[in-house]
Amino acid sequence: MLTRKDGTLITPENLTDEDVALSDWSIFDRLDSEERIARYLKGTVQDIKEGECDAGFLFDALADATKARAINQLARETGLDRKIFYEIESESNIPAINHEVIVKVVESFAVPVPV
């Protein structure tokens, strides 16, 4: 059962363009653990076997998994929210990231940062 943010039920009769509009979404929102990364890759291989997509899709999935692992590791090492690293990776919100966050990220690579 689908509902709008205000709690009203979405039915075929009252469906609007806003109801079906795509929102900002990233695979990295879902790849937040080793288990989810493994299931994602396993699903990709299964889709290739079933002819749902070509083998090139596997390279995209491997790139996603690699980035997700790096983001998850950096989040653990710095204590920062994973979303910050998505913003850095996508360059979507760089000006909003403050100096302390940048210093923590760079220091996680064991690079001395002048303050």
N, C-alpha and C. Protein backbone atom coordinates (compact mmCIF):
# COMPACT_ATOMS: atom_id res chain seq x y z
N MET A 1 0.84 -1.16 0.00
CA MET A 1 0.00 0.00 0.00
C MET A 1 0.90 1.24 0.00
N LEU A 2 0.72 2.12 -0.98
CA LEU A 2 1.52 3.33 -1.08
C LEU A 2 0.75 4.52 -0.54
N THR A 3 1.46 5.36 0.19
CA THR A 3 0.84 6.57 0.72
C THR A 3 1.73 7.76 0.43
N ARG A 4 1.12 8.94 0.45
CA ARG A 4 1.87 10.18 0.30
C ARG A 4 2.43 10.57 1.66
N LYS A 5 3.29 11.58 1.66
CA LYS A 5 3.88 12.05 2.91
C LYS A 5 2.82 12.47 3.91
N ASP A 6 1.69 12.98 3.42
CA ASP A 6 0.63 13.42 4.33
C ASP A 6 -0.24 12.27 4.82
N GLY A 7 0.08 11.03 4.36
CA GLY A 7 -0.64 9.86 4.83
C GLY A 7 -1.78 9.40 3.95
N THR A 8 -2.14 10.17 2.92
CA THR A 8 -3.26 9.76 2.05
C THR A 8 -2.83 8.59 1.17
N LEU A 9 -3.75 7.71 0.96
CA LEU A 9 -3.52 6.52 0.16
C LEU A 9 -3.41 6.89 -1.32
N ILE A 10 -2.44 6.31 -2.02
CA ILE A 10 -2.30 6.53 -3.46
C ILE A 10 -3.02 5.39 -4.17
N THR A 11 -3.96 5.75 -5.03
CA THR A 11 -4.71 4.77 -5.80
C THR A 11 -4.58 5.11 -7.27
N PRO A 12 -4.93 4.20 -8.18
CA PRO A 12 -4.88 4.54 -9.61
C PRO A 12 -5.76 5.75 -9.95
N GLU A 13 -6.81 5.94 -9.20
CA GLU A 13 -7.73 7.04 -9.49
C GLU A 13 -7.17 8.41 -9.10
N ASN A 14 -6.33 8.47 -8.06
CA ASN A 14 -5.82 9.78 -7.62
C ASN A 14 -4.32 9.94 -7.84
N LEU A 15 -3.73 9.08 -8.67
CA LEU A 15 -2.30 9.12 -8.96
C LEU A 15 -1.96 10.41 -9.70
N THR A 16 -0.92 11.10 -9.25
CA THR A 16 -0.48 12.35 -9.89
C THR A 16 0.94 12.20 -10.41
N ASP A 17 1.37 13.17 -11.21
CA ASP A 17 2.75 13.17 -11.72
C ASP A 17 3.74 13.23 -10.56
N GLU A 18 3.41 13.97 -9.51
CA GLU A 18 4.30 14.06 -8.35
C GLU A 18 4.47 12.70 -7.66
N ASP A 19 3.42 11.88 -7.69
CA ASP A 19 3.49 10.56 -7.06
C ASP A 19 4.51 9.66 -7.75
N VAL A 20 4.69 9.83 -9.04
CA VAL A 20 5.57 8.94 -9.79
C VAL A 20 6.89 9.61 -10.18
N ALA A 21 7.10 10.86 -9.76
CA ALA A 21 8.34 11.55 -10.07
C ALA A 21 9.51 10.84 -9.39
N LEU A 22 10.61 10.79 -10.09
CA LEU A 22 11.80 10.16 -9.53
C LEU A 22 12.46 11.09 -8.54
N SER A 23 12.89 10.55 -7.45
CA SER A 23 13.60 11.35 -6.45
C SER A 23 15.10 11.08 -6.58
N ASP A 24 15.89 11.94 -5.94
CA ASP A 24 17.32 11.69 -5.91
C ASP A 24 17.55 10.38 -5.19
N TRP A 25 18.27 9.50 -5.82
CA TRP A 25 18.50 8.18 -5.26
C TRP A 25 19.89 7.76 -5.65
N SER A 26 20.54 7.07 -4.79
CA SER A 26 21.88 6.58 -5.06
C SER A 26 21.99 5.15 -4.58
N ILE A 27 22.67 4.33 -5.36
CA ILE A 27 22.89 2.94 -4.96
C ILE A 27 23.66 2.90 -3.64
N PHE A 28 24.46 3.93 -3.36
CA PHE A 28 25.26 3.94 -2.15
C PHE A 28 24.40 4.04 -0.89
N ASP A 29 23.15 4.54 -1.05
CA ASP A 29 22.24 4.54 0.09
C ASP A 29 21.93 3.12 0.55
N ARG A 30 22.01 2.18 -0.36
CA ARG A 30 21.66 0.79 -0.07
C ARG A 30 22.86 -0.09 0.26
N LEU A 31 24.03 0.28 -0.24
CA LEU A 31 25.22 -0.56 -0.06
C LEU A 31 25.95 -0.16 1.21
N ASP A 32 25.28 -0.32 2.35
CA ASP A 32 25.83 0.15 3.62
C ASP A 32 26.42 -0.96 4.49
N SER A 33 26.54 -2.17 3.94
CA SER A 33 27.16 -3.27 4.68
C SER A 33 27.75 -4.26 3.69
N GLU A 34 28.66 -5.10 4.20
CA GLU A 34 29.26 -6.13 3.35
C GLU A 34 28.20 -7.10 2.84
N GLU A 35 27.22 -7.40 3.66
CA GLU A 35 26.15 -8.32 3.25
C GLU A 35 25.35 -7.74 2.08
N ARG A 36 25.01 -6.47 2.15
CA ARG A 36 24.24 -5.85 1.07
C ARG A 36 25.07 -5.74 -0.21
N ILE A 37 26.36 -5.45 -0.06
CA ILE A 37 27.24 -5.39 -1.22
C ILE A 37 27.29 -6.76 -1.89
N ALA A 38 27.45 -7.82 -1.09
CA ALA A 38 27.51 -9.18 -1.64
C ALA A 38 26.20 -9.55 -2.34
N ARG A 39 25.06 -9.21 -1.75
CA ARG A 39 23.77 -9.51 -2.38
C ARG A 39 23.60 -8.74 -3.69
N TYR A 40 24.08 -7.51 -3.71
CA TYR A 40 24.01 -6.69 -4.92
C TYR A 40 24.82 -7.33 -6.05
N LEU A 41 26.04 -7.75 -5.74
CA LEU A 41 26.88 -8.38 -6.75
C LEU A 41 26.30 -9.73 -7.19
N LYS A 42 25.79 -10.50 -6.23
CA LYS A 42 25.19 -11.80 -6.56
C LYS A 42 23.96 -11.59 -7.47
N GLY A 43 23.17 -10.58 -7.16
CA GLY A 43 22.00 -10.27 -8.00
C GLY A 43 22.40 -9.84 -9.40
N THR A 44 23.49 -9.08 -9.49
CA THR A 44 23.99 -8.65 -10.80
C THR A 44 24.41 -9.86 -11.64
N VAL A 45 25.14 -10.77 -11.03
CA VAL A 45 25.58 -11.98 -11.74
C VAL A 45 24.35 -12.79 -12.17
N GLN A 46 23.38 -12.91 -11.31
CA GLN A 46 22.15 -13.65 -11.64
C GLN A 46 21.43 -12.99 -12.82
N ASP A 47 21.34 -11.66 -12.81
CA ASP A 47 20.70 -10.94 -13.92
C ASP A 47 21.43 -11.19 -15.24
N ILE A 48 22.75 -11.24 -15.19
CA ILE A 48 23.52 -11.53 -16.41
C ILE A 48 23.23 -12.94 -16.89
N LYS A 49 23.21 -13.91 -15.97
CA LYS A 49 22.92 -15.30 -16.33
C LYS A 49 21.54 -15.44 -16.96
N GLU A 50 20.59 -14.66 -16.47
CA GLU A 50 19.22 -14.74 -16.98
C GLU A 50 18.99 -13.86 -18.20
N GLY A 51 20.05 -13.16 -18.65
CA GLY A 51 19.93 -12.35 -19.85
C GLY A 51 19.26 -11.00 -19.61
N GLU A 52 19.13 -10.60 -18.36
CA GLU A 52 18.49 -9.33 -18.04
C GLU A 52 19.38 -8.14 -18.40
N CYS A 53 20.69 -8.35 -18.39
CA CYS A 53 21.63 -7.28 -18.74
C CYS A 53 22.91 -7.93 -19.27
N ASP A 54 23.74 -7.09 -19.89
CA ASP A 54 24.98 -7.66 -20.44
C ASP A 54 26.08 -7.64 -19.38
N ALA A 55 27.17 -8.29 -19.72
CA ALA A 55 28.28 -8.43 -18.77
C ALA A 55 28.89 -7.09 -18.41
N GLY A 56 28.74 -6.08 -19.25
CA GLY A 56 29.26 -4.75 -18.94
C GLY A 56 28.65 -4.18 -17.67
N PHE A 57 27.43 -4.59 -17.37
CA PHE A 57 26.76 -4.14 -16.16
C PHE A 57 27.51 -4.60 -14.91
N LEU A 58 28.18 -5.75 -15.01
CA LEU A 58 28.96 -6.25 -13.89
C LEU A 58 30.08 -5.29 -13.51
N PHE A 59 30.71 -4.67 -14.52
CA PHE A 59 31.78 -3.72 -14.23
C PHE A 59 31.23 -2.49 -13.49
N ASP A 60 30.03 -2.05 -13.87
CA ASP A 60 29.40 -0.95 -13.15
C ASP A 60 29.10 -1.35 -11.71
N ALA A 61 28.60 -2.56 -11.52
CA ALA A 61 28.29 -3.05 -10.17
C ALA A 61 29.56 -3.18 -9.33
N LEU A 62 30.64 -3.65 -9.94
CA LEU A 62 31.91 -3.76 -9.21
C LEU A 62 32.44 -2.38 -8.82
N ALA A 63 32.27 -1.40 -9.70
CA ALA A 63 32.67 -0.03 -9.36
C ALA A 63 31.83 0.49 -8.20
N ASP A 64 30.52 0.23 -8.24
CA ASP A 64 29.64 0.64 -7.12
C ASP A 64 30.08 -0.01 -5.82
N ALA A 65 30.37 -1.31 -5.87
CA ALA A 65 30.77 -2.04 -4.66
C ALA A 65 32.09 -1.51 -4.11
N THR A 66 33.03 -1.20 -4.98
CA THR A 66 34.32 -0.67 -4.56
C THR A 66 34.15 0.68 -3.88
N LYS A 67 33.35 1.56 -4.50
CA LYS A 67 33.11 2.88 -3.90
C LYS A 67 32.39 2.74 -2.57
N ALA A 68 31.40 1.86 -2.51
CA ALA A 68 30.64 1.68 -1.27
C ALA A 68 31.54 1.18 -0.15
N ARG A 69 32.41 0.23 -0.45
CA ARG A 69 33.34 -0.27 0.58
C ARG A 69 34.25 0.83 1.08
N ALA A 70 34.75 1.65 0.16
CA ALA A 70 35.63 2.75 0.55
C ALA A 70 34.87 3.76 1.41
N ILE A 71 33.66 4.08 1.01
CA ILE A 71 32.84 5.03 1.77
C ILE A 71 32.54 4.47 3.16
N ASN A 72 32.15 3.20 3.23
CA ASN A 72 31.85 2.59 4.52
C ASN A 72 33.07 2.59 5.44
N GLN A 73 34.23 2.27 4.88
CA GLN A 73 35.47 2.25 5.66
C GLN A 73 35.83 3.65 6.16
N LEU A 74 35.74 4.64 5.29
CA LEU A 74 36.04 6.01 5.69
C LEU A 74 35.08 6.49 6.78
N ALA A 75 33.82 6.13 6.65
CA ALA A 75 32.84 6.53 7.67
C ALA A 75 33.20 5.92 9.02
N ARG A 76 33.60 4.64 9.01
CA ARG A 76 34.00 3.99 10.27
C ARG A 76 35.24 4.66 10.87
N GLU A 77 36.24 4.93 10.02
CA GLU A 77 37.50 5.49 10.51
C GLU A 77 37.36 6.91 11.04
N THR A 78 36.48 7.69 10.43
CA THR A 78 36.36 9.10 10.81
C THR A 78 35.22 9.37 11.78
N GLY A 79 34.28 8.43 11.87
CA GLY A 79 33.10 8.66 12.70
C GLY A 79 32.10 9.60 12.06
N LEU A 80 32.28 9.88 10.77
CA LEU A 80 31.38 10.78 10.05
C LEU A 80 30.26 9.98 9.38
N ASP A 81 29.16 10.65 9.11
CA ASP A 81 28.03 10.03 8.43
C ASP A 81 28.42 9.68 6.99
N ARG A 82 27.97 8.52 6.53
CA ARG A 82 28.29 8.07 5.17
C ARG A 82 27.81 9.06 4.12
N LYS A 83 26.74 9.78 4.38
CA LYS A 83 26.18 10.71 3.39
C LYS A 83 27.17 11.80 3.01
N ILE A 84 28.03 12.17 3.95
CA ILE A 84 29.05 13.18 3.64
C ILE A 84 29.95 12.69 2.51
N PHE A 85 30.30 11.42 2.55
CA PHE A 85 31.18 10.87 1.52
C PHE A 85 30.48 10.76 0.17
N TYR A 86 29.16 10.54 0.17
CA TYR A 86 28.40 10.53 -1.08
C TYR A 86 28.44 11.92 -1.70
N GLU A 87 28.31 12.93 -0.84
CA GLU A 87 28.36 14.30 -1.34
C GLU A 87 29.72 14.61 -1.94
N ILE A 88 30.77 14.17 -1.26
CA ILE A 88 32.11 14.38 -1.79
C ILE A 88 32.27 13.63 -3.11
N GLU A 89 31.82 12.38 -3.13
CA GLU A 89 31.97 11.54 -4.33
C GLU A 89 31.21 12.13 -5.51
N SER A 90 30.03 12.66 -5.26
CA SER A 90 29.21 13.19 -6.36
C SER A 90 29.48 14.66 -6.62
N GLU A 91 30.27 15.29 -5.75
CA GLU A 91 30.56 16.72 -5.83
C GLU A 91 29.29 17.56 -5.83
N SER A 92 28.21 17.03 -5.21
CA SER A 92 26.93 17.72 -5.24
C SER A 92 26.79 18.80 -4.18
N ASN A 93 27.55 18.69 -3.10
CA ASN A 93 27.31 19.60 -2.00
C ASN A 93 28.63 20.01 -1.33
N ILE A 94 29.68 20.11 -2.11
CA ILE A 94 31.00 20.40 -1.56
C ILE A 94 31.03 21.69 -0.74
N PRO A 95 30.44 22.80 -1.21
CA PRO A 95 30.52 24.02 -0.40
C PRO A 95 29.89 23.90 0.98
N ALA A 96 28.95 22.97 1.15
CA ALA A 96 28.27 22.81 2.44
C ALA A 96 29.09 22.01 3.44
N ILE A 97 30.17 21.39 3.01
CA ILE A 97 30.98 20.57 3.91
C ILE A 97 31.98 21.48 4.62
N ASN A 98 31.96 21.45 5.93
CA ASN A 98 32.80 22.38 6.68
C ASN A 98 34.25 21.91 6.79
N HIS A 99 35.09 22.81 7.25
CA HIS A 99 36.53 22.58 7.33
C HIS A 99 36.87 21.38 8.21
N GLU A 100 36.20 21.23 9.36
CA GLU A 100 36.51 20.12 10.26
C GLU A 100 36.26 18.77 9.60
N VAL A 101 35.20 18.70 8.80
CA VAL A 101 34.90 17.44 8.10
C VAL A 101 36.00 17.15 7.10
N ILE A 102 36.41 18.15 6.36
CA ILE A 102 37.47 17.95 5.36
C ILE A 102 38.75 17.49 6.03
N VAL A 103 39.10 18.11 7.15
CA VAL A 103 40.31 17.73 7.88
C VAL A 103 40.22 16.28 8.35
N LYS A 104 39.08 15.87 8.90
CA LYS A 104 38.92 14.48 9.35
C LYS A 104 39.10 13.50 8.20
N VAL A 105 38.52 13.82 7.06
CA VAL A 105 38.62 12.93 5.90
C VAL A 105 40.07 12.81 5.46
N VAL A 106 40.74 13.94 5.30
CA VAL A 106 42.13 13.91 4.85
C VAL A 106 43.01 13.19 5.88
N GLU A 107 42.81 13.45 7.16
CA GLU A 107 43.60 12.79 8.19
C GLU A 107 43.39 11.28 8.21
N SER A 108 42.22 10.81 7.75
CA SER A 108 41.98 9.38 7.71
C SER A 108 42.92 8.69 6.71
N PHE A 109 43.50 9.48 5.79
CA PHE A 109 44.47 8.94 4.86
C PHE A 109 45.90 9.08 5.40
N ALA A 110 46.01 9.46 6.67
CA ALA A 110 47.30 9.62 7.34
C ALA A 110 48.17 10.67 6.66
N VAL A 111 47.51 11.73 6.19
CA VAL A 111 48.22 12.85 5.58
C VAL A 111 48.15 14.02 6.56
N PRO A 112 49.29 14.57 6.96
CA PRO A 112 49.24 15.71 7.89
C PRO A 112 48.54 16.89 7.24
N VAL A 113 47.67 17.54 8.01
CA VAL A 113 46.91 18.66 7.49
C VAL A 113 47.25 19.90 8.32
N PRO A 114 47.76 20.96 7.65
CA PRO A 114 48.00 22.19 8.40
C PRO A 114 46.66 22.82 8.77
N VAL A 115 46.57 23.31 9.99
CA VAL A 115 45.31 23.90 10.45
C VAL A 115 45.34 25.39 10.38
